[in-house]
Amino acid sequence: MSFQKRTRDQIVERVAQDIPYGAYVNLGIGLPTKVAGYLKPEQDITLHSENGVLGFTALSDAEQADDDLINAGKELISMLPGGAFMHSADSFDIMRGGHLDCCIMGAFQVAVNGDLANWHTGSTKTVPAVGGAMDLAVGAKCVYVCMEHVTKNGEARIVEQLTYPLTGKTCVDRIYTDLCIIELKDEKAYVLEIVDGLSFEALQQMTGCALIDARTALSNPKQSA
C-alpha cells in the first residue's frame, strides 16, 4: 500500500479551511499556531492568544518584525486593525467565560469520548507544561486537535481510554492528523477524510479505538447505530 502522509503544514492548512466564518479562535502553542498563516482575510477570523493578544495574524516574510508583538509561544506576530492587548486576567476571562468559538490544540492522546491529554505523558524525563490548555478545553465552544496519528514508536494516539494525565474531559470535537480527519460524537469516532492511498482498514489498525467510516455511514445506517 502506497500513501502520502500530510505534512505538519498540510495538517494545519486543512484545519484552517474548517474554521467557521467570523469565529473567535485561540491557537494553542506549537503546531496550532501555524494555522494563522493559512487563514484567508475573507474568513474574518479573530485570533486570540492567552498571553493577552486579540486580533492578530501571522507575520509575513516581507514585514518588519516587532519584538514586542508575540503570541503565547513567543513567536512573532502581526496585529490587525482593531487588534488589542490586555491583562492576563482579562485574557483568561475570555478563555473561561465561553467567549471563544473554537480553540485548536495539540495533543499526546485523545480518547474516543473526547477526553484530552496534552500537558504531560507521565514520564519523569519530561517537564509538564499545563499552560492554559485546561481553561481552553472547558471554555471554548468547540475544540479541534491537530497531531500526528501515531507516536514515533508507532503507538496509537487516538485511544479507547487515556493512559496519559487528563487535560479536559469530553471536550474534543474533531481530530486532524497526518492520515485523516475524525469527528467525535456520542463516544464514537467518525472518519470524515483519509489521505489518498490509505485504506480504512489500514487506518483502523493504527488507531486505538473503533472507527466508523462516515463516508459510507449514510448509505449504511446500521454502521453508525
Protein backbone atom coordinates (compact mmCIF):
# COMPACT_ATOMS: atom_id res chain seq x y z
CA MET A 1 0.00 0.00 0.00
CA SER A 2 1.35 3.38 -1.02
CA PHE A 3 0.09 6.56 0.60
CA GLN A 4 1.44 10.01 1.38
CA LYS A 5 1.06 11.39 4.88
CA ARG A 6 0.10 15.02 5.29
CA THR A 7 2.96 17.22 6.38
CA ARG A 8 2.60 19.35 9.51
CA ASP A 9 1.90 22.36 7.29
CA GLN A 10 -0.74 20.44 5.36
CA ILE A 11 -2.44 19.41 8.61
CA VAL A 12 -2.86 23.00 9.81
CA GLU A 13 -3.81 24.21 6.35
CA ARG A 14 -6.66 21.69 6.38
CA VAL A 15 -7.72 22.83 9.87
CA ALA A 16 -7.81 26.45 8.68
CA GLN A 17 -10.30 25.53 5.95
CA ASP A 18 -12.83 24.28 8.51
CA ILE A 19 -12.87 27.25 10.88
CA PRO A 20 -16.31 28.90 10.65
CA TYR A 21 -16.67 32.36 9.18
CA GLY A 22 -16.33 35.16 11.72
CA ALA A 23 -15.17 32.89 14.55
CA TYR A 24 -13.12 33.93 17.58
CA VAL A 25 -10.34 31.36 17.78
CA ASN A 26 -7.49 30.53 20.16
CA LEU A 27 -4.43 28.84 18.68
CA GLY A 28 -2.55 26.63 21.13
CA ILE A 29 1.23 26.62 21.48
CA GLY A 30 3.17 24.54 18.99
CA LEU A 31 1.72 23.20 15.76
CA PRO A 32 -1.66 25.01 16.10
CA THR A 33 0.00 28.45 15.91
CA LYS A 34 0.85 27.67 12.27
CA VAL A 35 -2.88 27.82 11.44
CA ALA A 36 -2.60 31.63 11.46
CA GLY A 37 -0.54 31.52 8.27
CA TYR A 38 -3.30 29.73 6.33
CA LEU A 39 -6.32 31.81 7.26
CA LYS A 40 -7.80 33.95 4.49
CA PRO A 41 -8.99 37.55 5.05
CA GLU A 42 -12.45 36.68 3.74
CA GLN A 43 -12.89 34.19 6.61
CA ASP A 44 -12.97 37.18 9.01
CA ILE A 45 -11.38 35.17 11.84
CA THR A 46 -10.33 36.92 15.06
CA LEU A 47 -7.37 35.19 16.71
CA HIS A 48 -6.79 35.18 20.46
CA SER A 49 -3.60 34.27 22.34
CA GLU A 50 -3.60 33.57 26.06
CA ASN A 51 -0.74 35.98 26.77
CA GLY A 52 -3.22 38.80 26.16
CA VAL A 53 -3.47 39.46 22.41
CA LEU A 54 -6.68 39.67 20.38
CA GLY A 55 -6.88 40.33 16.65
CA PHE A 56 -3.56 39.26 15.14
CA THR A 57 -2.23 37.32 12.19
CA ALA A 58 0.94 35.55 11.10
CA LEU A 59 3.96 37.73 10.39
CA SER A 60 4.62 37.93 6.66
CA ASP A 61 8.12 37.43 5.30
CA ALA A 62 8.25 40.98 3.97
CA GLU A 63 7.04 42.59 7.20
CA GLN A 64 9.35 44.26 9.70
CA ALA A 65 9.21 42.26 12.92
CA ASP A 66 8.44 43.97 16.23
CA ASP A 67 9.96 42.09 19.14
CA ASP A 68 7.14 43.26 21.42
CA LEU A 69 4.48 41.51 19.31
CA ILE A 70 4.44 37.80 20.18
CA ASN A 71 1.91 35.03 20.78
CA ALA A 72 1.85 32.66 23.77
CA GLY A 73 4.52 30.52 22.10
CA LYS A 74 6.85 33.54 21.87
CA GLU A 75 6.51 33.60 18.08
CA LEU A 76 6.48 36.95 16.29
CA ILE A 77 3.08 38.07 15.04
CA SER A 78 1.44 40.99 13.27
CA MET A 79 -1.51 42.99 14.62
CA LEU A 80 -4.59 43.61 12.50
CA PRO A 81 -6.54 46.90 12.54
CA GLY A 82 -8.63 46.95 15.73
CA GLY A 83 -6.38 44.42 17.48
CA ALA A 84 -5.96 44.75 21.24
CA PHE A 85 -3.66 43.92 24.14
CA MET A 86 -4.97 43.07 27.59
CA HIS A 87 -4.07 41.94 31.09
CA SER A 88 -3.58 38.19 31.56
CA ALA A 89 -6.64 38.06 33.84
CA ASP A 90 -8.81 39.56 31.08
CA SER A 91 -7.34 37.16 28.55
CA PHE A 92 -8.21 34.16 30.72
CA ASP A 93 -11.69 35.58 31.27
CA ILE A 94 -12.17 35.31 27.50
CA MET A 95 -10.99 31.69 27.66
CA ARG A 96 -13.02 30.64 30.70
CA GLY A 97 -16.14 32.69 30.01
CA GLY A 98 -17.31 30.92 26.86
CA HIS A 99 -16.29 33.76 24.53
CA LEU A 100 -14.20 31.62 22.16
CA ASP A 101 -15.99 29.88 19.31
CA CYS A 102 -13.14 27.46 18.81
CA CYS A 103 -9.71 26.55 20.10
CA ILE A 104 -7.12 24.48 18.26
CA MET A 105 -4.68 22.46 20.35
CA GLY A 106 -2.06 19.79 20.04
CA ALA A 107 -2.32 16.53 21.96
CA PHE A 108 -0.44 13.49 23.20
CA GLN A 109 -3.64 11.42 23.26
CA VAL A 110 -7.36 11.80 22.58
CA ALA A 111 -9.95 9.25 23.76
CA VAL A 112 -12.99 8.27 21.73
CA ASN A 113 -15.26 10.03 24.26
CA GLY A 114 -13.40 13.32 23.65
CA ASP A 115 -11.08 13.24 26.68
CA LEU A 116 -7.88 15.20 26.02
CA ALA A 117 -4.32 14.66 27.26
CA ASN A 118 -1.87 17.31 26.10
CA TRP A 119 0.17 18.58 29.05
CA HIS A 120 2.20 15.59 30.21
CA THR A 121 2.93 11.99 29.25
CA GLY A 122 3.62 10.96 32.81
CA SER A 123 7.29 10.42 32.03
CA THR A 124 9.77 11.55 34.69
CA LYS A 125 12.11 12.61 31.89
CA THR A 126 9.83 15.35 30.57
CA VAL A 127 8.74 18.67 32.04
CA PRO A 128 4.96 19.13 32.50
CA ALA A 129 3.51 22.08 30.57
CA VAL A 130 -0.02 22.89 31.68
CA GLY A 131 -0.33 26.46 30.38
CA GLY A 132 -3.91 27.48 29.61
CA ALA A 133 -4.94 24.19 27.99
CA MET A 134 -7.28 23.19 30.79
CA ASP A 135 -9.05 26.55 30.64
CA LEU A 136 -9.41 26.32 26.86
CA ALA A 137 -10.61 22.71 26.95
CA VAL A 138 -13.61 23.61 29.12
CA GLY A 139 -14.14 27.21 27.99
CA ALA A 140 -14.15 27.07 24.20
CA LYS A 141 -17.37 26.14 22.42
CA CYS A 142 -15.52 23.83 20.06
CA VAL A 143 -12.15 22.06 20.36
CA TYR A 144 -10.10 20.91 17.37
CA VAL A 145 -6.93 18.86 17.88
CA CYS A 146 -4.11 18.59 15.35
CA MET A 147 -1.39 15.97 15.78
CA GLU A 148 0.41 13.02 14.21
CA HIS A 149 -1.77 9.90 14.14
CA VAL A 150 0.76 7.70 15.95
CA THR A 151 3.81 8.27 18.15
CA LYS A 152 7.38 7.91 16.96
CA ASN A 153 7.20 4.35 18.29
CA GLY A 154 4.08 3.62 16.25
CA GLU A 155 1.69 3.69 19.22
CA ALA A 156 -1.85 4.99 18.67
CA ARG A 157 -2.63 8.50 19.89
CA ILE A 158 -6.38 8.09 19.40
CA VAL A 159 -7.44 5.56 22.01
CA GLU A 160 -10.34 3.97 23.86
CA GLN A 161 -9.21 5.44 27.19
CA LEU A 162 -6.41 7.85 28.08
CA THR A 163 -3.24 6.48 29.61
CA TYR A 164 -1.69 9.95 30.00
CA PRO A 165 -2.74 12.57 32.60
CA LEU A 166 -6.06 14.23 31.78
CA THR A 167 -6.30 17.81 30.49
CA GLY A 168 -10.05 18.03 29.89
CA LYS A 169 -12.99 15.63 29.86
CA THR A 170 -15.22 15.05 26.82
CA CYS A 171 -14.04 18.28 25.21
CA VAL A 172 -12.58 17.33 21.79
CA ASP A 173 -14.92 17.67 18.82
CA ARG A 174 -12.61 16.91 15.90
CA ILE A 175 -9.12 15.50 15.29
CA TYR A 176 -6.87 16.38 12.35
CA THR A 177 -3.92 14.06 11.83
CA ASP A 178 -1.38 13.34 9.12
CA LEU A 179 -3.63 10.46 7.99
CA CYS A 180 -7.24 11.54 8.41
CA ILE A 181 -9.92 13.75 9.94
CA ILE A 182 -12.07 12.25 12.71
CA GLU A 183 -15.26 13.67 14.21
CA LEU A 184 -16.01 12.61 17.80
CA LYS A 185 -19.69 12.40 18.71
CA ASP A 186 -21.66 10.33 21.22
CA GLU A 187 -18.50 8.43 22.20
CA LYS A 188 -17.96 7.29 18.62
CA ALA A 189 -15.21 8.18 16.13
CA TYR A 190 -16.41 9.04 12.63
CA VAL A 191 -13.79 9.19 9.87
CA LEU A 192 -14.56 12.12 7.56
CA GLU A 193 -11.45 12.04 5.37
CA ILE A 194 -8.49 9.73 4.72
CA VAL A 195 -5.35 10.61 2.77
CA ASP A 196 -5.17 9.19 -0.75
CA GLY A 197 -3.91 5.61 -0.96
CA LEU A 198 -4.65 4.68 2.66
CA SER A 199 -7.47 2.19 3.22
CA PHE A 200 -9.97 2.44 6.05
CA GLU A 201 -8.81 -0.97 7.29
CA ALA A 202 -5.18 0.17 7.48
CA LEU A 203 -6.21 3.34 9.32
CA GLN A 204 -8.15 1.23 11.81
CA GLN A 205 -5.04 -0.82 12.54
CA MET A 206 -3.19 2.37 13.51
CA THR A 207 -6.00 3.59 15.78
CA GLY A 208 -6.66 2.51 19.36
CA CYS A 209 -10.45 2.69 19.22
CA ALA A 210 -13.18 1.53 16.86
CA LEU A 211 -13.73 3.77 13.85
CA ILE A 212 -16.84 4.39 11.78
CA ASP A 213 -16.38 5.28 8.13
CA ALA A 214 -18.61 8.35 7.84
CA ARG A 215 -18.05 8.38 4.09
CA THR A 216 -20.25 5.28 3.82
CA ALA A 217 -22.33 5.54 7.02
CA LEU A 218 -25.09 7.48 5.27
CA SER A 219 -25.60 4.66 2.78
CA ASN A 220 -25.35 2.04 5.54
CA PRO A 221 -27.33 3.27 8.59
CA LYS A 222 -26.56 0.11 10.61
CA GLN A 223 -22.86 1.06 10.66
CA SER A 224 -23.49 4.20 12.74
CA ALA A 225 -26.10 2.59 15.01
